[in-house]
Amino acid sequence: MELTVKNLTKEFKDLTAVRGISLTMTTGVYGLLGVNGAGKTTLMRMLCTLLRPTHGSITWDEQDIFSMDRDYRRLLGYLPQDFGYYPDFTVYDYLMYVASIKGLRPVTAKHRTKALLEQVGMAENARKKMKKLSGGMKRRVGIAQAMLGNPKILILDEPTAGLDPSERIRFRNLISTLSEERLVLLSTHIVSDIAYIANEILLMKNGSIEAQGTSQELLSHMPEQVWTLTVPRDQVNTYMHHYKISNIKTVPGGTELRILSGTRPSKDAILENATLEDLFLAYFGESPYGHTNVDESAGEQDG
């Protein structure tokens, strides 16, 4: 069971969204990590046959996925960033409608719908209208519709976008349980989404895969080291001008900076173990939150 991408490129009029990507994925969870605009959605849409590549190929067990056509899509479950639904449908009716589009027999559709509603924790809300659901509930229904055909390939595009921390944890746990005996590709710009569940992480930047491997492998090859240093508050801007700063924390006597640097930034700097958030900053030049993580309280870090 292999999904193989070779020299994959997608060009639009004045933009190359995906640049010569080659990779092979098998069973397990793959985390596609990158900032917004890195090309993650374009790559996923090609993997779902919604876009044709300009160059290169995508094969499933050595068969071209576009030639496989419907046979490939039967293997596929897809949750886009924004999935469409009829707001006045109940959760149950919506899933039954999607099941009919996927070609499931009515008896099979009922069985799968009821089982998935239990699995995603929505059985008690089966008769609630879609328009009445919270963001987290809608994402759970979204994963249920993606799983209706019991797919071998599950592709999830920014599945936790807009969810609060407790819903993100619930969603990650759900994805982890669904990953047995299937390939799961999860795209995100939120490091914590993949820190605990991804078997392999793909770092995507400007349409290319910059690095890939387990979290331990990627951290061991980080281009910079991580240091903590407490400085007077009036020196913070100077350090921010010269270094990548992943965290700023107010502490008694000054401000503690978490600094990425190939050399010791000061004789008082303490070498620390790198995290995936540090890795994100090292490769993408910004924090995983889209800005430097500022913590105004001693001993508490924004997560």
Protein backbone atom coordinates (compact mmCIF):
# COMPACT_ATOMS: atom_id res chain seq x y z
CA MET A 1 0.00 0.00 0.00
CA GLU A 2 1.93 3.01 -1.31
CA LEU A 3 0.96 6.49 -2.45
CA THR A 4 3.87 7.78 -4.51
CA VAL A 5 4.48 11.29 -5.76
CA LYS A 6 7.20 11.89 -8.37
CA ASN A 7 8.44 15.32 -9.47
CA LEU A 8 5.01 16.80 -8.81
CA THR A 9 4.55 20.41 -9.93
CA LYS A 10 1.48 22.62 -10.15
CA GLU A 11 1.67 25.94 -11.95
CA PHE A 12 -0.99 28.61 -12.13
CA LYS A 13 -0.74 31.77 -14.27
CA ASP A 14 1.89 33.66 -12.30
CA LEU A 15 2.47 31.19 -9.49
CA THR A 16 4.13 27.83 -8.98
CA ALA A 17 2.24 26.46 -5.98
CA VAL A 18 3.96 23.05 -5.84
CA ARG A 19 7.55 22.57 -7.01
CA GLY A 20 8.92 19.16 -8.00
CA ILE A 21 7.84 17.20 -4.94
CA SER A 22 8.76 13.51 -4.68
CA LEU A 23 7.76 11.32 -1.74
CA THR A 24 6.30 7.92 -0.85
CA MET A 25 3.72 7.38 1.89
CA THR A 26 2.46 4.11 3.37
CA THR A 27 0.39 3.22 6.45
CA GLY A 28 0.48 5.72 9.33
CA VAL A 29 0.00 9.41 10.06
CA TYR A 30 1.92 11.96 7.99
CA GLY A 31 1.92 15.55 9.20
CA LEU A 32 2.27 18.18 6.48
CA LEU A 33 3.51 21.25 8.32
CA GLY A 34 3.92 24.72 6.87
CA VAL A 35 2.72 28.30 7.04
CA ASN A 36 -0.41 29.41 5.21
CA GLY A 37 0.38 29.74 1.51
CA ALA A 38 3.08 27.05 1.51
CA GLY A 39 1.19 24.96 -1.07
CA LYS A 40 -0.29 22.37 1.30
CA THR A 41 -3.87 22.66 0.02
CA THR A 42 -2.79 22.56 -3.63
CA LEU A 43 -0.81 19.37 -2.96
CA MET A 44 -3.76 17.77 -1.18
CA ARG A 45 -6.20 18.73 -3.91
CA MET A 46 -3.95 16.98 -6.44
CA LEU A 47 -3.79 13.90 -4.21
CA CYS A 48 -7.60 13.95 -4.19
CA THR A 49 -7.74 14.29 -8.04
CA LEU A 50 -9.45 17.68 -7.71
CA LEU A 51 -6.52 19.31 -9.54
CA ARG A 52 -4.34 17.85 -12.24
CA PRO A 53 -0.59 18.41 -11.90
CA THR A 54 1.25 20.48 -14.48
CA HIS A 55 4.14 18.01 -14.35
CA GLY A 56 4.89 14.79 -12.52
CA SER A 57 2.80 11.83 -11.41
CA ILE A 58 0.85 10.40 -8.48
CA THR A 59 0.44 6.62 -8.22
CA TRP A 60 -1.31 4.24 -5.86
CA ASP A 61 0.45 0.88 -5.81
CA GLU A 62 2.10 1.85 -9.12
CA GLN A 63 -1.19 2.79 -10.81
CA ASP A 64 -1.79 6.38 -11.93
CA ILE A 65 -4.55 7.79 -9.73
CA PHE A 66 -6.13 9.80 -12.57
CA SER A 67 -6.32 6.70 -14.74
CA MET A 68 -7.82 4.74 -11.83
CA ASP A 69 -10.56 7.39 -11.67
CA ARG A 70 -13.50 6.11 -9.58
CA ASP A 71 -11.55 3.10 -8.29
CA TYR A 72 -9.08 5.48 -6.64
CA ARG A 73 -11.75 7.76 -5.20
CA ARG A 74 -13.38 4.74 -3.54
CA LEU A 75 -10.16 4.40 -1.53
CA LEU A 76 -10.18 8.06 -0.54
CA GLY A 77 -11.65 10.06 2.33
CA TYR A 78 -11.19 13.84 2.23
CA LEU A 79 -11.94 16.61 4.70
CA PRO A 80 -11.26 20.02 3.11
CA GLN A 81 -10.80 23.18 5.16
CA ASP A 82 -14.39 24.16 4.42
CA PHE A 83 -16.69 21.28 3.57
CA GLY A 84 -20.13 21.95 2.14
CA TYR A 85 -23.36 20.90 3.83
CA TYR A 86 -27.06 21.73 3.76
CA PRO A 87 -27.67 23.75 6.94
CA ASP A 88 -31.21 22.42 7.48
CA PHE A 89 -30.17 18.76 7.22
CA THR A 90 -29.80 16.90 10.49
CA VAL A 91 -26.42 15.34 11.16
CA TYR A 92 -27.82 11.88 10.43
CA ASP A 93 -29.54 12.98 7.20
CA TYR A 94 -26.41 14.77 6.01
CA LEU A 95 -24.26 11.65 6.49
CA MET A 96 -26.85 9.47 4.78
CA TYR A 97 -26.92 11.94 1.87
CA VAL A 98 -23.11 11.82 1.54
CA ALA A 99 -23.23 8.02 1.76
CA SER A 100 -25.67 7.93 -1.19
CA ILE A 101 -23.32 10.12 -3.24
CA LYS A 102 -20.47 7.73 -2.41
CA GLY A 103 -22.60 4.85 -3.70
CA LEU A 104 -23.09 2.99 -0.40
CA ARG A 105 -26.06 0.64 -0.23
CA PRO A 106 -28.77 1.93 2.17
CA VAL A 107 -28.26 -0.88 4.70
CA THR A 108 -24.49 -0.33 4.70
CA ALA A 109 -24.95 3.46 4.88
CA LYS A 110 -27.17 3.20 7.98
CA HIS A 111 -24.73 0.88 9.72
CA ARG A 112 -21.69 3.03 8.89
CA THR A 113 -23.45 6.28 9.83
CA LYS A 114 -24.53 5.02 13.24
CA ALA A 115 -21.11 3.50 13.96
CA LEU A 116 -19.24 6.66 12.93
CA LEU A 117 -21.54 8.92 14.94
CA GLU A 118 -20.61 6.87 17.99
CA GLN A 119 -16.92 6.95 17.09
CA VAL A 120 -16.76 10.73 16.69
CA GLY A 121 -18.91 11.39 19.75
CA MET A 122 -21.92 12.76 17.87
CA ALA A 123 -24.52 10.04 18.44
CA GLU A 124 -26.47 12.20 20.89
CA ASN A 125 -26.56 15.02 18.34
CA ALA A 126 -27.63 12.91 15.35
CA ARG A 127 -30.98 14.70 15.02
CA LYS A 128 -29.56 18.18 15.47
CA LYS A 129 -29.49 20.41 12.39
CA MET A 130 -26.09 21.12 10.91
CA LYS A 131 -26.56 24.88 11.26
CA LYS A 132 -26.94 24.46 15.02
CA LEU A 133 -23.58 22.74 15.54
CA SER A 134 -20.50 24.32 17.07
CA GLY A 135 -17.28 24.49 15.05
CA GLY A 136 -15.87 21.45 16.84
CA MET A 137 -19.03 19.43 16.21
CA LYS A 138 -18.97 20.31 12.50
CA ARG A 139 -15.37 19.13 12.22
CA ARG A 140 -16.35 15.84 13.87
CA VAL A 141 -19.17 15.40 11.36
CA GLY A 142 -16.63 16.26 8.67
CA ILE A 143 -14.32 13.44 9.72
CA ALA A 144 -17.32 11.09 9.85
CA GLN A 145 -18.29 11.91 6.25
CA ALA A 146 -14.67 11.37 5.17
CA MET A 147 -14.72 7.93 6.83
CA LEU A 148 -18.04 6.72 5.41
CA GLY A 149 -16.45 4.58 2.72
CA ASN A 150 -13.92 3.11 5.16
CA PRO A 151 -11.11 4.66 3.08
CA LYS A 152 -7.54 3.40 2.80
CA ILE A 153 -6.37 7.01 2.34
CA LEU A 154 -7.61 9.78 4.65
CA ILE A 155 -6.63 13.34 3.73
CA LEU A 156 -7.39 16.12 6.21
CA ASP A 157 -6.74 19.76 5.32
CA GLU A 158 -6.31 22.01 8.38
CA PRO A 159 -8.85 19.91 10.33
CA THR A 160 -8.46 21.79 13.62
CA ALA A 161 -8.56 25.34 12.23
CA GLY A 162 -10.70 27.51 14.50
CA LEU A 163 -11.09 24.91 17.24
CA ASP A 164 -10.40 25.62 20.89
CA PRO A 165 -7.59 23.67 22.63
CA SER A 166 -9.87 21.00 24.15
CA GLU A 167 -11.52 20.29 20.78
CA ARG A 168 -8.08 20.13 19.11
CA ILE A 169 -6.96 17.49 21.63
CA ARG A 170 -10.17 15.50 21.10
CA PHE A 171 -9.70 15.70 17.34
CA ARG A 172 -6.07 14.58 17.48
CA ASN A 173 -7.02 11.58 19.61
CA LEU A 174 -9.74 10.69 17.11
CA ILE A 175 -7.36 10.89 14.16
CA SER A 176 -4.88 8.69 16.00
CA THR A 177 -7.50 5.96 16.49
CA LEU A 178 -8.49 6.17 12.81
CA SER A 179 -4.93 5.72 11.54
CA GLU A 180 -4.74 1.95 12.00
CA GLU A 181 -4.30 0.14 8.68
CA ARG A 182 -4.70 3.30 6.61
CA LEU A 183 -2.66 6.24 5.35
CA VAL A 184 -3.56 9.55 7.00
CA LEU A 185 -2.19 12.83 5.66
CA LEU A 186 -2.89 15.79 7.92
CA SER A 187 -1.97 19.33 6.89
CA THR A 188 -1.65 22.08 9.46
CA HIS A 189 0.30 25.12 10.57
CA ILE A 190 -0.36 24.22 14.23
CA VAL A 191 2.61 22.28 15.58
CA SER A 192 0.75 20.64 18.46
CA ASP A 193 -1.64 18.97 15.97
CA ILE A 194 1.11 16.66 14.79
CA ALA A 195 3.63 16.63 17.64
CA TYR A 196 2.13 13.54 19.28
CA ILE A 197 0.41 11.64 16.46
CA ALA A 198 2.49 11.97 13.28
CA ASN A 199 4.74 9.04 12.41
CA GLU A 200 6.50 11.28 9.91
CA ILE A 201 6.54 15.05 9.45
CA LEU A 202 6.86 16.81 6.09
CA LEU A 203 8.03 20.43 6.26
CA MET A 204 6.62 22.35 3.28
CA LYS A 205 7.79 25.81 2.27
CA ASN A 206 7.24 27.77 -0.95
CA GLY A 207 5.79 24.72 -2.67
CA SER A 208 8.66 22.35 -1.80
CA ILE A 209 9.27 19.74 0.89
CA GLU A 210 12.21 21.24 2.78
CA ALA A 211 12.73 18.27 5.11
CA GLN A 212 10.98 15.11 6.24
CA GLY A 213 11.38 12.51 8.97
CA THR A 214 10.28 11.70 12.50
CA SER A 215 10.24 14.56 14.99
CA GLN A 216 13.43 13.20 16.57
CA GLU A 217 15.18 13.00 13.20
CA LEU A 218 14.18 16.52 12.24
CA LEU A 219 15.18 17.98 15.60
CA SER A 220 18.58 16.26 15.45
CA HIS A 221 19.29 18.02 12.13
CA MET A 222 18.05 21.47 13.09
CA PRO A 223 20.19 24.17 11.47
CA GLU A 224 20.35 26.20 14.68
CA GLN A 225 20.59 25.55 18.42
CA VAL A 226 18.18 26.80 21.06
CA TRP A 227 19.22 29.00 23.96
CA THR A 228 17.49 30.78 26.82
CA LEU A 229 18.77 34.09 28.08
CA THR A 230 17.42 36.64 30.56
CA VAL A 231 18.07 40.23 29.52
CA PRO A 232 16.96 43.69 30.71
CA ARG A 233 13.67 44.71 29.14
CA ASP A 234 15.28 47.58 27.23
CA GLN A 235 17.52 45.09 25.35
CA VAL A 236 14.71 42.90 23.99
CA ASN A 237 14.35 44.78 20.70
CA THR A 238 18.11 44.55 20.08
CA TYR A 239 18.05 40.75 20.42
CA MET A 240 14.90 40.51 18.29
CA HIS A 241 16.67 42.44 15.55
CA HIS A 242 19.65 40.07 15.49
CA TYR A 243 18.13 36.65 16.31
CA LYS A 244 15.10 34.46 15.77
CA ILE A 245 13.13 34.61 19.02
CA SER A 246 10.56 31.84 19.59
CA ASN A 247 9.37 32.98 23.01
CA ILE A 248 9.49 36.08 25.18
CA LYS A 249 8.61 35.67 28.84
CA THR A 250 8.55 38.30 31.56
CA VAL A 251 10.40 37.07 34.63
CA PRO A 252 11.57 38.72 37.85
CA GLY A 253 14.54 40.93 36.97
CA GLY A 254 14.00 41.13 33.22
CA THR A 255 12.80 39.24 30.18
CA GLU A 256 13.63 35.64 29.29
CA LEU A 257 14.21 35.07 25.58
CA ARG A 258 14.19 31.73 23.78
CA ILE A 259 16.70 32.26 20.98
CA LEU A 260 17.61 30.25 17.88
CA SER A 261 21.24 30.72 16.93
CA GLY A 262 24.11 28.69 15.50
CA THR A 263 26.41 30.24 18.11
CA ARG A 264 25.98 31.17 21.77
CA PRO A 265 24.28 34.60 21.75
CA SER A 266 25.79 35.58 25.11
CA LYS A 267 28.12 34.03 27.66
CA ASP A 268 25.13 33.73 30.00
CA ALA A 269 22.92 31.90 27.49
CA ILE A 270 21.84 28.37 28.46
CA LEU A 271 21.61 25.62 25.83
CA GLU A 272 18.14 24.02 25.72
CA ASN A 273 16.53 21.01 24.03
CA ALA A 274 14.79 22.01 20.82
CA THR A 275 11.05 21.50 20.34
CA LEU A 276 8.96 21.23 17.17
CA GLU A 277 7.93 24.86 17.68
CA ASP A 278 11.61 25.83 17.57
CA LEU A 279 11.97 23.72 14.43
CA PHE A 280 9.06 25.57 12.83
CA LEU A 281 10.76 28.90 13.50
CA ALA A 282 14.11 27.62 12.22
CA TYR A 283 12.67 26.55 8.87
CA PHE A 284 9.93 29.09 8.31
CA GLY A 285 11.35 32.18 9.97
CA GLU A 286 8.31 32.77 12.15
CA SER A 287 6.67 31.24 15.17
CA PRO A 288 3.99 28.55 14.62
CA TYR A 289 1.47 31.15 15.76
CA GLY A 290 2.38 33.55 12.96
CA HIS A 291 4.16 35.90 15.36
CA THR A 292 6.69 35.78 18.17
CA ASN A 293 5.17 34.03 21.14
CA VAL A 294 4.96 36.60 23.92
CA ASP A 295 4.23 35.42 27.46
CA GLU A 296 3.56 38.10 30.02
CA SER A 297 3.42 35.73 33.00
CA ALA A 298 6.35 34.02 34.66
CA GLY A 299 6.35 30.27 34.20
CA GLU A 300 3.44 30.06 31.75
CA GLN A 301 3.86 29.52 28.00
CA ASP A 302 1.37 30.17 25.26
CA GLY A 303 0.28 26.94 23.68
